[in-house]
Amino acid sequence: MGLLARAGHDAIEAQLSAAPPLPPHARLRGPETGLVMLRGRAGGDGAAFNLSEMTVTRCAVSLADGAVGHAYVAGRDQRQAELAAVLDAALQDPARRPALMAAVIEPLAAAEAEARAAQSRKAAATRVQFFTMATMR
């Protein structure tokens, strides 16, 4: 679910084009956009405090076979929340799961891993090693 929450609806739909069609679904809730309170702690172990609010979109769907899927995504992308909820419900079916994992989830995971690796390479290119720090080790 974390992978679907981080991928945009464009990326999910691109992978769904090669996947078996998603089953029809009924909306139980939403997609609805609202705010959640983010909590923080000073120093990681201090008293909790309200840090900020964040926009979140949620959706809940049910399939004809009774499977229920839920999704919460950061931001206002209602299509992403609905697709993630439908995929959550469809992935609960053992017959659909292998095909959806191969066609949607694994390519999204590979794309996310490549994006993280590219970001790491870019950050590593700007790394500075100070002479005094290198000789102290």
Protein backbone atom coordinates (compact mmCIF):
# COMPACT_ATOMS: atom_id res chain seq x y z
CA MET A 1 0.00 0.00 0.00
CA GLY A 2 2.90 2.33 0.65
CA LEU A 3 4.07 1.86 -2.91
CA LEU A 4 0.62 2.71 -4.30
CA ALA A 5 0.39 5.71 -1.96
CA ARG A 6 3.72 7.08 -3.25
CA ALA A 7 3.07 6.42 -6.97
CA GLY A 8 0.96 8.95 -8.85
CA HIS A 9 -2.20 7.95 -10.68
CA ASP A 10 -0.40 8.33 -14.02
CA ALA A 11 2.17 5.72 -13.04
CA ILE A 12 -0.49 3.34 -11.72
CA GLU A 13 -2.65 3.71 -14.84
CA ALA A 14 0.38 3.15 -17.09
CA GLN A 15 1.04 -0.18 -15.37
CA LEU A 16 -2.65 -1.11 -15.39
CA SER A 17 -2.73 -0.84 -19.19
CA ALA A 18 -0.68 -4.06 -19.36
CA ALA A 19 -2.53 -5.76 -16.49
CA PRO A 20 -5.75 -7.76 -16.53
CA PRO A 21 -8.75 -5.46 -16.17
CA LEU A 22 -9.69 -4.45 -12.66
CA PRO A 23 -12.98 -5.82 -11.38
CA PRO A 24 -15.98 -3.51 -11.08
CA HIS A 25 -16.26 -1.88 -7.69
CA ALA A 26 -18.66 0.13 -5.58
CA ARG A 27 -17.52 3.10 -3.55
CA LEU A 28 -18.07 2.72 0.17
CA ARG A 29 -16.42 6.04 1.02
CA GLY A 30 -15.03 8.82 -1.08
CA PRO A 31 -12.65 9.56 -2.47
CA GLU A 32 -12.63 12.36 0.07
CA THR A 33 -9.94 14.95 0.72
CA GLY A 34 -9.27 16.24 4.22
CA LEU A 35 -6.56 17.16 6.70
CA VAL A 36 -4.63 15.11 9.21
CA MET A 37 -2.56 16.52 12.07
CA LEU A 38 1.13 15.69 11.98
CA ARG A 39 2.71 15.22 15.38
CA GLY A 40 6.35 15.72 16.24
CA ARG A 41 8.68 15.24 19.18
CA ALA A 42 11.55 17.51 20.17
CA GLY A 43 14.73 15.50 20.00
CA GLY A 44 12.84 12.37 19.04
CA ASP A 45 11.85 11.52 22.61
CA GLY A 46 10.46 14.74 24.03
CA ALA A 47 6.86 15.68 24.56
CA ALA A 48 4.66 15.36 21.49
CA PHE A 49 3.44 18.54 19.82
CA ASN A 50 1.27 19.40 16.83
CA LEU A 51 3.69 20.12 14.02
CA SER A 52 1.45 20.85 11.04
CA GLU A 53 -1.51 19.69 9.01
CA MET A 54 -1.26 17.63 5.82
CA THR A 55 -3.76 17.13 3.02
CA VAL A 56 -4.79 13.48 2.61
CA THR A 57 -7.28 11.77 0.31
CA ARG A 58 -8.95 8.54 1.36
CA CYS A 59 -11.15 6.04 -0.41
CA ALA A 60 -12.84 2.74 0.42
CA VAL A 61 -14.32 0.40 -2.18
CA SER A 62 -15.90 -3.05 -2.26
CA LEU A 63 -15.82 -5.65 -5.02
CA ALA A 64 -18.63 -7.97 -6.02
CA ASP A 65 -16.90 -10.88 -4.23
CA GLY A 66 -17.03 -8.97 -0.93
CA ALA A 67 -13.39 -7.86 -0.76
CA VAL A 68 -13.00 -4.36 0.68
CA GLY A 69 -10.07 -2.11 -0.19
CA HIS A 70 -8.90 1.03 1.58
CA ALA A 71 -6.38 3.70 0.60
CA TYR A 72 -4.96 6.88 2.08
CA VAL A 73 -2.70 9.01 -0.13
CA ALA A 74 -0.93 12.28 0.56
CA GLY A 75 -2.34 15.20 -1.38
CA ARG A 76 -5.53 15.72 -3.35
CA ASP A 77 -5.25 13.04 -6.05
CA GLN A 78 -8.67 11.39 -5.86
CA ARG A 79 -8.01 9.11 -8.85
CA GLN A 80 -4.86 7.76 -7.18
CA ALA A 81 -6.77 7.04 -3.95
CA GLU A 82 -9.51 5.18 -5.80
CA LEU A 83 -7.07 3.14 -7.90
CA ALA A 84 -5.08 2.24 -4.80
CA ALA A 85 -8.24 1.14 -2.97
CA VAL A 86 -9.40 -1.00 -5.91
CA LEU A 87 -5.97 -2.58 -6.17
CA ASP A 88 -5.97 -3.21 -2.41
CA ALA A 89 -9.24 -5.10 -2.75
CA ALA A 90 -8.21 -6.95 -5.94
CA LEU A 91 -4.88 -8.05 -4.44
CA GLN A 92 -6.76 -9.85 -1.67
CA ASP A 93 -8.01 -12.41 -4.23
CA PRO A 94 -5.45 -15.24 -4.55
CA ALA A 95 -6.43 -15.76 -8.21
CA ARG A 96 -5.79 -12.12 -9.20
CA ARG A 97 -2.80 -11.44 -6.97
CA PRO A 98 0.05 -12.97 -9.04
CA ALA A 99 -0.97 -11.19 -12.25
CA LEU A 100 -1.42 -7.82 -10.52
CA MET A 101 1.84 -8.18 -8.63
CA ALA A 102 3.73 -8.90 -11.86
CA ALA A 103 1.98 -6.26 -13.97
CA VAL A 104 1.54 -3.39 -11.50
CA ILE A 105 3.30 -3.69 -8.15
CA GLU A 106 6.69 -5.05 -9.24
CA PRO A 107 7.18 -2.48 -12.05
CA LEU A 108 6.19 0.33 -9.67
CA ALA A 109 8.66 -0.98 -7.09
CA ALA A 110 11.42 -1.18 -9.71
CA ALA A 111 10.70 2.38 -10.89
CA GLU A 112 10.76 3.66 -7.31
CA ALA A 113 14.04 1.86 -6.60
CA GLU A 114 15.60 3.32 -9.76
CA ALA A 115 14.43 6.83 -8.83
CA ARG A 116 15.95 6.46 -5.35
CA ALA A 117 19.20 5.13 -6.82
CA ALA A 118 19.37 8.06 -9.25
CA GLN A 119 18.79 10.50 -6.40
CA SER A 120 21.51 8.79 -4.36
CA ARG A 121 23.96 8.97 -7.27
CA LYS A 122 23.19 12.66 -7.70
CA ALA A 123 23.77 13.33 -4.00
CA ALA A 124 26.96 11.25 -3.99
CA ALA A 125 28.36 13.34 -6.84
CA THR A 126 28.26 16.42 -4.61
CA ARG A 127 29.79 14.72 -1.58
CA VAL A 128 32.74 16.57 -0.07
CA GLN A 129 35.41 14.78 1.93
CA PHE A 130 37.41 17.08 4.09
CA PHE A 131 41.06 16.20 4.54
CA THR A 132 40.94 16.49 8.31
CA MET A 133 37.89 14.23 8.53
CA ALA A 134 39.45 11.63 6.25
CA THR A 135 42.67 11.42 8.31
CA MET A 136 40.81 11.13 11.62
CA ARG A 137 39.19 7.82 10.67
